N, C-alpha and C. Protein backbone atom coordinates (compact mmCIF):
# COMPACT_ATOMS: atom_id res chain seq x y z
N MET A 1 -6.78 -39.76 -40.41
CA MET A 1 -7.83 -39.39 -39.47
C MET A 1 -7.23 -39.04 -38.10
N LYS A 2 -6.28 -39.89 -37.67
CA LYS A 2 -5.64 -39.65 -36.38
C LYS A 2 -4.90 -38.33 -36.38
N LYS A 3 -4.31 -38.01 -37.56
CA LYS A 3 -3.57 -36.75 -37.66
C LYS A 3 -4.49 -35.56 -37.46
N TYR A 4 -5.70 -35.64 -38.08
CA TYR A 4 -6.64 -34.54 -37.95
C TYR A 4 -7.17 -34.42 -36.52
N LEU A 5 -7.41 -35.58 -35.89
CA LEU A 5 -7.87 -35.57 -34.50
C LEU A 5 -6.81 -34.95 -33.58
N PHE A 6 -5.55 -35.27 -33.88
CA PHE A 6 -4.45 -34.72 -33.07
C PHE A 6 -4.40 -33.20 -33.19
N VAL A 7 -4.53 -32.71 -34.46
CA VAL A 7 -4.52 -31.27 -34.69
C VAL A 7 -5.70 -30.60 -34.01
N LEU A 8 -6.88 -31.26 -34.09
CA LEU A 8 -8.09 -30.72 -33.48
C LEU A 8 -7.93 -30.59 -31.98
N PHE A 9 -7.42 -31.68 -31.34
CA PHE A 9 -7.21 -31.66 -29.90
C PHE A 9 -6.14 -30.63 -29.50
N LEU A 10 -5.14 -30.47 -30.36
CA LEU A 10 -4.08 -29.50 -30.09
C LEU A 10 -4.64 -28.08 -30.09
N ILE A 11 -5.45 -27.79 -31.11
CA ILE A 11 -6.07 -26.46 -31.19
C ILE A 11 -7.01 -26.23 -30.00
N LEU A 12 -7.79 -27.26 -29.67
CA LEU A 12 -8.71 -27.17 -28.54
C LEU A 12 -7.95 -26.94 -27.24
N GLY A 13 -6.83 -27.67 -27.10
CA GLY A 13 -6.02 -27.53 -25.90
C GLY A 13 -5.43 -26.14 -25.76
N LEU A 14 -4.95 -25.58 -26.87
CA LEU A 14 -4.40 -24.23 -26.84
C LEU A 14 -5.47 -23.21 -26.49
N PHE A 15 -6.68 -23.43 -27.04
CA PHE A 15 -7.79 -22.52 -26.77
C PHE A 15 -8.18 -22.56 -25.30
N VAL A 16 -8.32 -23.77 -24.75
CA VAL A 16 -8.69 -23.93 -23.34
C VAL A 16 -7.61 -23.36 -22.43
N SER A 17 -6.34 -23.66 -22.77
CA SER A 17 -5.25 -23.16 -21.93
C SER A 17 -5.20 -21.64 -21.94
N SER A 18 -5.51 -21.03 -23.10
CA SER A 18 -5.50 -19.57 -23.18
C SER A 18 -6.61 -18.99 -22.32
N LEU A 19 -7.77 -19.70 -22.28
CA LEU A 19 -8.85 -19.25 -21.41
C LEU A 19 -8.47 -19.36 -19.95
N VAL A 20 -7.82 -20.47 -19.61
CA VAL A 20 -7.40 -20.68 -18.22
C VAL A 20 -6.40 -19.61 -17.80
N LEU A 21 -5.42 -19.34 -18.68
CA LEU A 21 -4.43 -18.31 -18.37
C LEU A 21 -5.07 -16.95 -18.25
N ALA A 22 -6.07 -16.72 -19.10
CA ALA A 22 -6.76 -15.43 -19.06
C ALA A 22 -7.51 -15.24 -17.75
N ASP A 23 -7.97 -16.35 -17.14
CA ASP A 23 -8.73 -16.27 -15.90
C ASP A 23 -7.85 -16.29 -14.66
N LEU A 24 -6.52 -16.41 -14.83
CA LEU A 24 -5.62 -16.33 -13.70
C LEU A 24 -5.42 -14.87 -13.30
N ILE A 25 -5.43 -14.61 -12.01
CA ILE A 25 -5.30 -13.24 -11.53
C ILE A 25 -3.90 -12.71 -11.82
N ASN A 26 -3.82 -11.46 -12.18
CA ASN A 26 -2.54 -10.80 -12.42
C ASN A 26 -1.77 -10.73 -11.10
N PRO A 27 -0.55 -11.29 -11.02
CA PRO A 27 0.21 -11.28 -9.76
C PRO A 27 0.42 -9.88 -9.21
N ASP A 28 0.56 -8.89 -10.11
CA ASP A 28 0.75 -7.51 -9.67
C ASP A 28 -0.45 -7.01 -8.88
N TYR A 29 -1.62 -7.60 -9.14
CA TYR A 29 -2.83 -7.15 -8.46
C TYR A 29 -2.77 -7.51 -6.97
N LEU A 30 -2.01 -8.55 -6.65
CA LEU A 30 -1.87 -8.95 -5.25
C LEU A 30 -0.79 -8.15 -4.54
N ILE A 31 0.09 -7.53 -5.31
CA ILE A 31 1.26 -6.87 -4.72
C ILE A 31 1.10 -5.35 -4.68
N LYS A 32 0.62 -4.79 -5.79
CA LYS A 32 0.60 -3.33 -5.91
C LYS A 32 -0.57 -2.72 -5.15
N HIS A 33 -0.24 -1.81 -4.26
CA HIS A 33 -1.26 -1.07 -3.50
C HIS A 33 -0.88 0.40 -3.48
N CYS A 34 -1.85 1.24 -3.29
CA CYS A 34 -1.61 2.68 -3.28
C CYS A 34 -0.82 3.08 -2.04
N PRO A 35 -0.01 4.14 -2.14
CA PRO A 35 0.73 4.63 -0.98
C PRO A 35 -0.24 5.18 0.07
N PRO A 36 0.21 5.33 1.31
CA PRO A 36 -0.68 5.79 2.39
C PRO A 36 -1.33 7.14 2.13
N SER A 37 -0.67 7.97 1.31
CA SER A 37 -1.20 9.31 1.07
C SER A 37 -2.34 9.32 0.05
N LYS A 38 -2.64 8.18 -0.57
CA LYS A 38 -3.70 8.10 -1.57
C LYS A 38 -4.87 7.27 -1.05
N ILE A 39 -6.00 7.43 -1.68
CA ILE A 39 -7.18 6.62 -1.36
C ILE A 39 -7.31 5.54 -2.42
N GLN A 40 -7.35 4.30 -1.99
CA GLN A 40 -7.43 3.18 -2.93
C GLN A 40 -8.89 2.82 -3.19
N ARG A 41 -9.21 2.66 -4.45
CA ARG A 41 -10.55 2.27 -4.85
C ARG A 41 -10.46 1.16 -5.89
N GLU A 42 -11.38 0.21 -5.82
CA GLU A 42 -11.43 -0.89 -6.78
C GLU A 42 -12.79 -0.92 -7.44
N CYS A 43 -12.81 -1.31 -8.69
CA CYS A 43 -14.06 -1.39 -9.42
C CYS A 43 -14.07 -2.66 -10.27
N PHE A 44 -15.23 -3.00 -10.77
CA PHE A 44 -15.41 -4.25 -11.49
C PHE A 44 -16.13 -4.00 -12.82
N TYR A 45 -15.79 -4.83 -13.79
CA TYR A 45 -16.49 -4.78 -15.07
C TYR A 45 -16.71 -6.22 -15.54
N SER A 46 -17.74 -6.41 -16.36
CA SER A 46 -18.07 -7.76 -16.81
C SER A 46 -18.58 -7.74 -18.24
N THR A 47 -18.54 -8.91 -18.87
CA THR A 47 -19.03 -9.07 -20.23
C THR A 47 -20.02 -10.22 -20.29
N ASP A 48 -20.89 -10.20 -21.26
CA ASP A 48 -21.85 -11.30 -21.42
C ASP A 48 -21.24 -12.47 -22.17
N LEU A 49 -20.26 -12.17 -23.03
CA LEU A 49 -19.58 -13.20 -23.83
C LEU A 49 -18.10 -13.19 -23.50
N PRO A 50 -17.40 -14.34 -23.62
CA PRO A 50 -15.96 -14.38 -23.36
C PRO A 50 -15.22 -13.37 -24.23
N PHE A 51 -14.45 -12.49 -23.56
CA PHE A 51 -13.67 -11.46 -24.23
C PHE A 51 -14.53 -10.49 -25.04
N GLY A 52 -15.81 -10.45 -24.72
CA GLY A 52 -16.71 -9.55 -25.44
C GLY A 52 -16.65 -8.14 -24.89
N PRO A 53 -17.46 -7.24 -25.45
CA PRO A 53 -17.48 -5.85 -24.98
C PRO A 53 -18.04 -5.75 -23.56
N THR A 54 -17.57 -4.75 -22.83
CA THR A 54 -18.03 -4.56 -21.45
C THR A 54 -19.50 -4.20 -21.43
N THR A 55 -20.26 -4.92 -20.62
CA THR A 55 -21.70 -4.66 -20.53
C THR A 55 -22.08 -4.05 -19.18
N LYS A 56 -21.30 -4.35 -18.15
CA LYS A 56 -21.55 -3.78 -16.82
C LYS A 56 -20.22 -3.30 -16.25
N SER A 57 -20.23 -2.10 -15.68
CA SER A 57 -19.00 -1.55 -15.10
C SER A 57 -19.32 -0.42 -14.13
N ASN A 58 -18.57 -0.37 -13.05
CA ASN A 58 -18.67 0.76 -12.13
C ASN A 58 -17.33 1.50 -12.02
N CYS A 59 -16.53 1.39 -13.10
CA CYS A 59 -15.20 2.00 -13.12
C CYS A 59 -15.20 3.43 -13.65
N GLY A 60 -16.31 3.85 -14.25
CA GLY A 60 -16.36 5.17 -14.85
C GLY A 60 -16.11 6.29 -13.86
N LEU A 61 -16.55 6.09 -12.59
CA LEU A 61 -16.38 7.12 -11.57
C LEU A 61 -14.92 7.47 -11.36
N TYR A 62 -14.04 6.47 -11.49
CA TYR A 62 -12.61 6.68 -11.26
C TYR A 62 -11.86 6.94 -12.58
N LYS A 63 -12.29 6.25 -13.64
CA LYS A 63 -11.62 6.38 -14.93
C LYS A 63 -11.75 7.79 -15.49
N ASN A 64 -12.88 8.43 -15.22
CA ASN A 64 -13.13 9.76 -15.76
C ASN A 64 -12.81 10.88 -14.77
N ASN A 65 -12.18 10.53 -13.66
CA ASN A 65 -11.84 11.52 -12.64
C ASN A 65 -10.35 11.84 -12.74
N SER A 66 -10.01 13.11 -12.94
CA SER A 66 -8.61 13.51 -13.10
C SER A 66 -7.79 13.31 -11.83
N LEU A 67 -8.46 13.14 -10.69
CA LEU A 67 -7.76 12.95 -9.41
C LEU A 67 -7.49 11.48 -9.13
N CYS A 68 -7.88 10.60 -10.06
CA CYS A 68 -7.68 9.16 -9.89
C CYS A 68 -6.81 8.63 -11.03
N LYS A 69 -5.89 7.75 -10.68
CA LYS A 69 -5.02 7.14 -11.69
C LYS A 69 -5.06 5.62 -11.56
N LEU A 70 -5.13 4.96 -12.70
CA LEU A 70 -5.14 3.50 -12.71
C LEU A 70 -3.80 2.97 -12.21
N LEU A 71 -3.83 2.09 -11.21
CA LEU A 71 -2.61 1.49 -10.67
C LEU A 71 -2.34 0.14 -11.29
N VAL A 72 -3.34 -0.74 -11.28
CA VAL A 72 -3.15 -2.08 -11.81
C VAL A 72 -4.52 -2.68 -12.10
N SER A 73 -4.56 -3.63 -13.01
CA SER A 73 -5.82 -4.29 -13.35
C SER A 73 -5.58 -5.78 -13.53
N THR A 74 -6.64 -6.53 -13.41
CA THR A 74 -6.57 -7.96 -13.67
C THR A 74 -7.86 -8.35 -14.37
N GLY A 75 -7.76 -9.21 -15.36
CA GLY A 75 -8.93 -9.55 -16.15
C GLY A 75 -9.12 -11.03 -16.34
N SER A 76 -10.30 -11.39 -16.76
CA SER A 76 -10.62 -12.77 -17.06
C SER A 76 -11.41 -12.79 -18.37
N SER A 77 -11.86 -13.93 -18.77
CA SER A 77 -12.60 -14.02 -20.03
C SER A 77 -13.97 -13.37 -19.95
N PHE A 78 -14.47 -13.15 -18.74
CA PHE A 78 -15.80 -12.56 -18.58
C PHE A 78 -15.77 -11.25 -17.79
N GLY A 79 -14.62 -10.60 -17.73
CA GLY A 79 -14.56 -9.32 -17.02
C GLY A 79 -13.27 -9.17 -16.24
N GLY A 80 -13.31 -8.33 -15.21
CA GLY A 80 -12.11 -8.14 -14.42
C GLY A 80 -12.27 -7.04 -13.39
N GLN A 81 -11.13 -6.64 -12.81
CA GLN A 81 -11.11 -5.62 -11.78
C GLN A 81 -10.02 -4.59 -12.10
N GLU A 82 -10.23 -3.38 -11.61
CA GLU A 82 -9.24 -2.32 -11.75
C GLU A 82 -9.03 -1.66 -10.40
N ARG A 83 -7.79 -1.31 -10.11
CA ARG A 83 -7.47 -0.64 -8.84
C ARG A 83 -6.94 0.76 -9.16
N TYR A 84 -7.55 1.76 -8.54
CA TYR A 84 -7.18 3.14 -8.77
C TYR A 84 -6.63 3.77 -7.49
N CYS A 85 -5.68 4.70 -7.67
CA CYS A 85 -5.17 5.51 -6.57
C CYS A 85 -5.73 6.92 -6.75
N CYS A 86 -6.49 7.37 -5.79
CA CYS A 86 -7.14 8.67 -5.90
C CYS A 86 -6.63 9.62 -4.81
N GLU A 87 -6.63 10.89 -5.15
CA GLU A 87 -6.25 11.91 -4.18
C GLU A 87 -7.34 11.99 -3.11
N PRO A 88 -6.92 12.17 -1.84
CA PRO A 88 -7.93 12.36 -0.78
C PRO A 88 -8.85 13.53 -1.15
N GLY A 89 -10.13 13.34 -0.98
CA GLY A 89 -11.09 14.37 -1.33
C GLY A 89 -11.45 14.37 -2.80
N PHE A 90 -11.11 13.26 -3.52
CA PHE A 90 -11.39 13.23 -4.96
C PHE A 90 -12.88 13.32 -5.24
N GLU A 91 -13.71 12.87 -4.30
CA GLU A 91 -15.15 12.96 -4.50
C GLU A 91 -15.65 14.39 -4.26
N ASN A 92 -14.88 15.12 -3.47
CA ASN A 92 -15.18 16.53 -3.20
C ASN A 92 -13.86 17.25 -2.96
N PRO A 93 -13.24 17.80 -4.00
CA PRO A 93 -11.89 18.38 -3.88
C PRO A 93 -11.75 19.43 -2.79
N SER A 94 -12.84 20.05 -2.34
CA SER A 94 -12.74 21.09 -1.32
C SER A 94 -12.27 20.54 0.01
N PHE A 95 -12.39 19.19 0.19
CA PHE A 95 -11.96 18.58 1.43
C PHE A 95 -10.55 17.97 1.32
N LEU A 96 -9.85 18.30 0.22
CA LEU A 96 -8.54 17.70 -0.03
C LEU A 96 -7.55 17.97 1.10
N PHE A 97 -7.42 19.22 1.51
CA PHE A 97 -6.43 19.59 2.52
C PHE A 97 -6.71 18.90 3.85
N MET A 98 -7.94 18.97 4.31
CA MET A 98 -8.29 18.36 5.60
C MET A 98 -8.13 16.85 5.57
N SER A 99 -8.42 16.24 4.42
CA SER A 99 -8.26 14.79 4.28
C SER A 99 -6.80 14.40 4.41
N GLN A 100 -5.92 15.22 3.81
CA GLN A 100 -4.49 14.94 3.89
C GLN A 100 -4.00 15.05 5.33
N ILE A 101 -4.43 16.08 6.04
CA ILE A 101 -4.04 16.26 7.44
C ILE A 101 -4.52 15.07 8.27
N LYS A 102 -5.75 14.64 8.02
CA LYS A 102 -6.31 13.51 8.77
C LYS A 102 -5.53 12.24 8.52
N ARG A 103 -5.22 11.95 7.25
CA ARG A 103 -4.50 10.73 6.92
C ARG A 103 -3.07 10.75 7.46
N PHE A 104 -2.44 11.94 7.40
CA PHE A 104 -1.09 12.05 7.96
C PHE A 104 -1.14 11.83 9.47
N GLY A 105 -2.11 12.42 10.13
CA GLY A 105 -2.24 12.25 11.58
C GLY A 105 -2.44 10.79 11.97
N LEU A 106 -3.28 10.07 11.21
CA LEU A 106 -3.52 8.66 11.49
C LEU A 106 -2.26 7.82 11.27
N THR A 107 -1.51 8.16 10.19
CA THR A 107 -0.27 7.44 9.90
C THR A 107 0.75 7.65 11.02
N LEU A 108 0.91 8.89 11.46
CA LEU A 108 1.85 9.20 12.54
C LEU A 108 1.43 8.55 13.85
N LEU A 109 0.14 8.63 14.16
CA LEU A 109 -0.37 8.03 15.39
C LEU A 109 -0.15 6.52 15.41
N LEU A 110 -0.44 5.86 14.29
CA LEU A 110 -0.25 4.42 14.19
C LEU A 110 1.22 4.06 14.39
N THR A 111 2.12 4.83 13.78
CA THR A 111 3.56 4.58 13.91
C THR A 111 4.00 4.70 15.36
N LEU A 112 3.54 5.75 16.04
CA LEU A 112 3.93 5.96 17.43
C LEU A 112 3.36 4.89 18.35
N LEU A 113 2.13 4.48 18.10
CA LEU A 113 1.50 3.45 18.93
C LEU A 113 2.22 2.11 18.80
N LEU A 114 2.82 1.88 17.64
CA LEU A 114 3.53 0.62 17.42
C LEU A 114 4.98 0.67 17.90
N GLU A 115 5.63 1.83 17.78
CA GLU A 115 7.06 1.92 18.06
C GLU A 115 7.40 2.33 19.49
N ILE A 116 6.64 3.24 20.08
CA ILE A 116 6.96 3.71 21.43
C ILE A 116 6.99 2.56 22.45
N PRO A 117 6.01 1.63 22.43
CA PRO A 117 6.08 0.51 23.38
C PRO A 117 7.35 -0.32 23.23
N VAL A 118 7.85 -0.45 22.00
CA VAL A 118 9.08 -1.21 21.77
C VAL A 118 10.27 -0.51 22.44
N PHE A 119 10.39 0.78 22.22
CA PHE A 119 11.47 1.54 22.86
C PHE A 119 11.33 1.49 24.39
N TRP A 120 10.10 1.52 24.87
CA TRP A 120 9.86 1.42 26.32
C TRP A 120 10.39 0.10 26.87
N LEU A 121 10.13 -0.98 26.15
CA LEU A 121 10.60 -2.29 26.59
C LEU A 121 12.13 -2.38 26.57
N PHE A 122 12.77 -1.59 25.70
CA PHE A 122 14.23 -1.59 25.62
C PHE A 122 14.86 -0.64 26.64
N GLY A 123 14.02 -0.06 27.49
CA GLY A 123 14.56 0.77 28.57
C GLY A 123 14.55 2.26 28.35
N PHE A 124 13.96 2.72 27.25
CA PHE A 124 13.86 4.16 26.99
C PHE A 124 12.59 4.68 27.69
N ARG A 125 12.73 5.04 28.96
CA ARG A 125 11.55 5.39 29.74
C ARG A 125 11.58 6.80 30.30
N LYS A 126 12.69 7.50 30.12
CA LYS A 126 12.75 8.88 30.57
C LYS A 126 11.94 9.76 29.64
N LYS A 127 11.35 10.82 30.21
CA LYS A 127 10.50 11.71 29.43
C LYS A 127 11.26 12.31 28.25
N ARG A 128 12.50 12.74 28.48
CA ARG A 128 13.30 13.35 27.42
C ARG A 128 13.58 12.35 26.30
N GLU A 129 13.90 11.11 26.66
CA GLU A 129 14.17 10.08 25.67
C GLU A 129 12.95 9.82 24.79
N LEU A 130 11.79 9.72 25.42
CA LEU A 130 10.56 9.46 24.68
C LEU A 130 10.20 10.63 23.76
N LEU A 131 10.42 11.85 24.23
CA LEU A 131 10.14 13.03 23.40
C LEU A 131 11.06 13.08 22.18
N ILE A 132 12.34 12.71 22.38
CA ILE A 132 13.29 12.69 21.26
C ILE A 132 12.90 11.61 20.26
N ILE A 133 12.45 10.45 20.74
CA ILE A 133 12.01 9.35 19.87
C ILE A 133 10.78 9.79 19.07
N ILE A 134 9.85 10.47 19.73
CA ILE A 134 8.66 10.97 19.05
C ILE A 134 9.04 11.98 17.97
N LEU A 135 10.00 12.88 18.30
CA LEU A 135 10.46 13.88 17.33
C LEU A 135 11.09 13.20 16.11
N ALA A 136 11.90 12.16 16.34
CA ALA A 136 12.53 11.42 15.23
C ALA A 136 11.46 10.82 14.33
N ASN A 137 10.40 10.29 14.92
CA ASN A 137 9.32 9.69 14.13
C ASN A 137 8.52 10.74 13.37
N VAL A 138 8.31 11.90 13.98
CA VAL A 138 7.59 12.98 13.30
C VAL A 138 8.35 13.39 12.04
N ILE A 139 9.67 13.51 12.16
CA ILE A 139 10.50 13.91 11.01
C ILE A 139 10.48 12.83 9.93
N SER A 140 10.69 11.56 10.31
CA SER A 140 10.78 10.48 9.33
C SER A 140 9.43 10.20 8.67
N VAL A 141 8.35 10.19 9.45
CA VAL A 141 7.02 9.93 8.89
C VAL A 141 6.61 11.07 7.96
N SER A 142 6.90 12.31 8.35
CA SER A 142 6.56 13.47 7.52
C SER A 142 7.27 13.40 6.17
N THR A 143 8.56 13.07 6.22
CA THR A 143 9.35 12.98 4.99
C THR A 143 8.82 11.87 4.08
N PHE A 144 8.51 10.70 4.67
CA PHE A 144 7.98 9.58 3.90
C PHE A 144 6.63 9.94 3.28
N TYR A 145 5.78 10.59 4.07
CA TYR A 145 4.44 10.95 3.60
C TYR A 145 4.51 11.90 2.41
N ILE A 146 5.39 12.90 2.51
CA ILE A 146 5.55 13.86 1.41
C ILE A 146 6.11 13.17 0.16
N ALA A 147 7.11 12.29 0.37
CA ALA A 147 7.72 11.59 -0.77
C ALA A 147 6.73 10.67 -1.47
N SER A 148 5.74 10.14 -0.72
CA SER A 148 4.77 9.21 -1.31
C SER A 148 3.84 9.88 -2.31
N PHE A 149 3.86 11.22 -2.38
CA PHE A 149 3.08 11.92 -3.40
C PHE A 149 3.67 11.71 -4.79
N TRP A 150 4.99 11.45 -4.84
CA TRP A 150 5.68 11.31 -6.12
C TRP A 150 6.14 9.88 -6.40
N PHE A 151 6.31 9.09 -5.35
CA PHE A 151 6.83 7.73 -5.52
C PHE A 151 5.90 6.73 -4.85
N SER A 152 5.94 5.49 -5.35
CA SER A 152 5.14 4.42 -4.75
C SER A 152 5.76 3.08 -5.14
N GLY A 153 5.18 2.02 -4.64
CA GLY A 153 5.65 0.68 -4.99
C GLY A 153 6.51 0.07 -3.90
N PHE A 154 6.74 -1.23 -4.04
CA PHE A 154 7.48 -1.99 -3.03
C PHE A 154 8.91 -1.48 -2.87
N LEU A 155 9.59 -1.19 -4.00
CA LEU A 155 10.98 -0.73 -3.93
C LEU A 155 11.08 0.60 -3.18
N PHE A 156 10.13 1.49 -3.44
CA PHE A 156 10.12 2.78 -2.75
C PHE A 156 9.96 2.59 -1.24
N VAL A 157 9.02 1.72 -0.86
CA VAL A 157 8.79 1.47 0.57
C VAL A 157 10.03 0.85 1.22
N LEU A 158 10.65 -0.10 0.52
CA LEU A 158 11.84 -0.77 1.06
C LEU A 158 12.99 0.22 1.26
N ILE A 159 13.27 1.03 0.24
CA ILE A 159 14.35 2.02 0.34
C ILE A 159 14.03 3.05 1.43
N SER A 160 12.76 3.47 1.47
CA SER A 160 12.35 4.45 2.47
C SER A 160 12.55 3.92 3.88
N GLU A 161 12.18 2.65 4.08
CA GLU A 161 12.32 2.03 5.41
C GLU A 161 13.78 1.98 5.83
N LEU A 162 14.66 1.64 4.90
CA LEU A 162 16.10 1.61 5.20
C LEU A 162 16.63 3.00 5.55
N ILE A 163 16.21 4.00 4.78
CA ILE A 163 16.64 5.38 5.05
C ILE A 163 16.12 5.85 6.40
N ILE A 164 14.87 5.50 6.71
CA ILE A 164 14.28 5.90 8.00
C ILE A 164 15.05 5.28 9.16
N ILE A 165 15.38 4.00 9.03
CA ILE A 165 16.13 3.32 10.10
C ILE A 165 17.49 3.97 10.31
N ILE A 166 18.20 4.23 9.21
CA ILE A 166 19.53 4.86 9.31
C ILE A 166 19.42 6.25 9.92
N PHE A 167 18.41 7.03 9.46
CA PHE A 167 18.22 8.38 9.98
C PHE A 167 17.92 8.35 11.47
N GLU A 168 16.99 7.50 11.89
CA GLU A 168 16.60 7.46 13.30
C GLU A 168 17.76 7.02 14.20
N ILE A 169 18.55 6.06 13.73
CA ILE A 169 19.71 5.62 14.52
C ILE A 169 20.70 6.77 14.70
N ILE A 170 21.05 7.46 13.61
CA ILE A 170 21.99 8.58 13.68
C ILE A 170 21.42 9.71 14.54
N PHE A 171 20.15 10.01 14.36
CA PHE A 171 19.47 11.08 15.11
C PHE A 171 19.51 10.79 16.61
N LEU A 172 19.15 9.56 17.00
CA LEU A 172 19.10 9.21 18.42
C LEU A 172 20.49 9.12 19.03
N VAL A 173 21.45 8.60 18.27
CA VAL A 173 22.82 8.50 18.78
C VAL A 173 23.40 9.89 19.03
N LYS A 174 23.12 10.84 18.11
CA LYS A 174 23.67 12.19 18.23
C LYS A 174 23.06 12.95 19.41
N ILE A 175 21.76 12.75 19.65
CA ILE A 175 21.07 13.54 20.67
C ILE A 175 21.07 12.84 22.04
N LEU A 176 20.84 11.53 22.04
CA LEU A 176 20.82 10.80 23.31
C LEU A 176 22.23 10.35 23.67
N LYS A 177 23.06 11.31 23.94
CA LYS A 177 24.45 11.01 24.27
C LYS A 177 24.51 10.26 25.60
N GLY A 178 25.40 9.29 25.68
CA GLY A 178 25.54 8.51 26.90
C GLY A 178 24.75 7.22 26.87
N VAL A 179 23.77 7.11 25.96
CA VAL A 179 22.97 5.89 25.83
C VAL A 179 23.74 4.89 24.97
N ASN A 180 23.72 3.64 25.37
CA ASN A 180 24.44 2.58 24.66
C ASN A 180 24.01 2.54 23.18
N ILE A 181 24.99 2.68 22.29
CA ILE A 181 24.69 2.72 20.85
C ILE A 181 24.05 1.42 20.37
N LYS A 182 24.55 0.29 20.87
CA LYS A 182 23.99 -1.00 20.46
C LYS A 182 22.51 -1.10 20.84
N LYS A 183 22.16 -0.54 22.01
CA LYS A 183 20.76 -0.57 22.44
C LYS A 183 19.90 0.28 21.51
N ILE A 184 20.43 1.44 21.10
CA ILE A 184 19.69 2.31 20.18
C ILE A 184 19.47 1.62 18.84
N ILE A 185 20.53 0.99 18.32
CA ILE A 185 20.44 0.31 17.02
C ILE A 185 19.44 -0.83 17.07
N LEU A 186 19.53 -1.66 18.11
CA LEU A 186 18.64 -2.82 18.23
C LEU A 186 17.19 -2.38 18.41
N ALA A 187 16.96 -1.41 19.28
CA ALA A 187 15.59 -0.93 19.52
C ALA A 187 14.99 -0.32 18.26
N THR A 188 15.79 0.46 17.52
CA THR A 188 15.30 1.09 16.29
C THR A 188 14.97 0.05 15.23
N LEU A 189 15.81 -0.96 15.09
CA LEU A 189 15.57 -2.02 14.11
C LEU A 189 14.29 -2.78 14.44
N VAL A 190 14.14 -3.19 15.70
CA VAL A 190 12.96 -3.97 16.11
C VAL A 190 11.69 -3.13 15.97
N ALA A 191 11.74 -1.87 16.42
CA ALA A 191 10.56 -0.99 16.36
C ALA A 191 10.09 -0.78 14.93
N ASN A 192 11.04 -0.51 14.03
CA ASN A 192 10.66 -0.27 12.63
C ASN A 192 10.20 -1.54 11.93
N LEU A 193 10.79 -2.67 12.31
CA LEU A 193 10.36 -3.94 11.72
C LEU A 193 8.93 -4.25 12.12
N ILE A 194 8.62 -4.07 13.40
CA ILE A 194 7.26 -4.33 13.88
C ILE A 194 6.26 -3.37 13.24
N SER A 195 6.60 -2.08 13.21
CA SER A 195 5.68 -1.10 12.63
C SER A 195 5.48 -1.33 11.14
N ALA A 196 6.54 -1.80 10.44
CA ALA A 196 6.42 -2.07 9.01
C ALA A 196 5.50 -3.25 8.75
N ILE A 197 5.70 -4.35 9.50
CA ILE A 197 4.90 -5.56 9.29
C ILE A 197 3.44 -5.34 9.67
N ILE A 198 3.22 -4.85 10.90
CA ILE A 198 1.84 -4.63 11.36
C ILE A 198 1.18 -3.52 10.54
N GLY A 199 1.98 -2.49 10.18
CA GLY A 199 1.43 -1.40 9.37
C GLY A 199 0.91 -1.88 8.03
N VAL A 200 1.66 -2.76 7.37
CA VAL A 200 1.24 -3.31 6.08
C VAL A 200 -0.06 -4.10 6.23
N VAL A 201 -0.14 -4.91 7.30
CA VAL A 201 -1.36 -5.70 7.55
C VAL A 201 -2.56 -4.77 7.76
N LEU A 202 -2.36 -3.72 8.55
CA LEU A 202 -3.46 -2.79 8.82
C LEU A 202 -3.87 -2.02 7.56
N ILE A 203 -2.87 -1.64 6.74
CA ILE A 203 -3.18 -0.94 5.49
C ILE A 203 -4.02 -1.82 4.56
N HIS A 204 -3.65 -3.12 4.47
CA HIS A 204 -4.41 -4.05 3.64
C HIS A 204 -5.83 -4.23 4.20
N LEU A 205 -5.95 -4.25 5.52
CA LEU A 205 -7.26 -4.38 6.14
C LEU A 205 -8.11 -3.16 5.83
N ILE A 206 -7.51 -1.97 5.94
CA ILE A 206 -8.23 -0.74 5.63
C ILE A 206 -8.63 -0.71 4.16
N ASP A 207 -7.73 -1.17 3.27
CA ASP A 207 -8.06 -1.26 1.84
C ASP A 207 -9.27 -2.14 1.61
N PHE A 208 -9.30 -3.28 2.31
CA PHE A 208 -10.40 -4.24 2.16
C PHE A 208 -11.72 -3.61 2.63
N LEU A 209 -11.68 -2.97 3.80
CA LEU A 209 -12.90 -2.36 4.35
C LEU A 209 -13.35 -1.20 3.49
N THR A 210 -12.38 -0.45 2.92
CA THR A 210 -12.73 0.69 2.06
C THR A 210 -13.35 0.21 0.76
N THR A 211 -12.79 -0.87 0.21
CA THR A 211 -13.29 -1.41 -1.06
C THR A 211 -14.76 -1.76 -0.97
N PHE A 212 -15.16 -2.34 0.15
CA PHE A 212 -16.54 -2.80 0.30
C PHE A 212 -17.42 -1.76 1.01
N GLY A 213 -16.89 -0.55 1.13
CA GLY A 213 -17.70 0.55 1.66
C GLY A 213 -17.95 0.50 3.14
N ILE A 214 -17.23 -0.33 3.89
CA ILE A 214 -17.44 -0.43 5.33
C ILE A 214 -16.91 0.82 6.02
N ILE A 215 -15.77 1.34 5.51
CA ILE A 215 -15.25 2.62 5.99
C ILE A 215 -14.97 3.48 4.76
N ARG A 216 -14.83 4.80 5.00
CA ARG A 216 -14.56 5.72 3.90
C ARG A 216 -13.39 6.60 4.26
């Protein structure tokens, strides 16, 4: 009798643990986000029975749209969520070009607003110096934005950030002759670190507001 009870409890335990594991959020769902050049959308689906057929869903708008691609999903025993990366203007393709220009402009503006004050604090206050710094950012942000059409993910962002830092240091050293190289290196590192950290926070905030329809 004890043997059967043990087997019964073992089976029950495995079943319960499988349900618990199924209800744990997919770690990738917390990490993976769409690149800045894409519009992130999230949708939800649910079932009436554990692991049963989907009875309610608002994912069809993105799943059936050729301009949207599934990035990552997370599920539970009674439903789940899906995150899609959509092309700007996916709801109305005629606005695709203007949406891209707008998003690029916002990305560049945000970068400059975060980095220029840092360079200013490091003593880069001459008009020519600031214009050269702005030009370096225009080149690096443009290149990153274009590359994000083909690549995405944490590794891409990390490699891109390293390339941007190296490029900006070399660019500023070559053009701002006479300026202390150590000052250029330190200012570039601090500026890009701040813009990367705050930029990620702002992107996540925008994703959150977009998900709940607060902004579009």
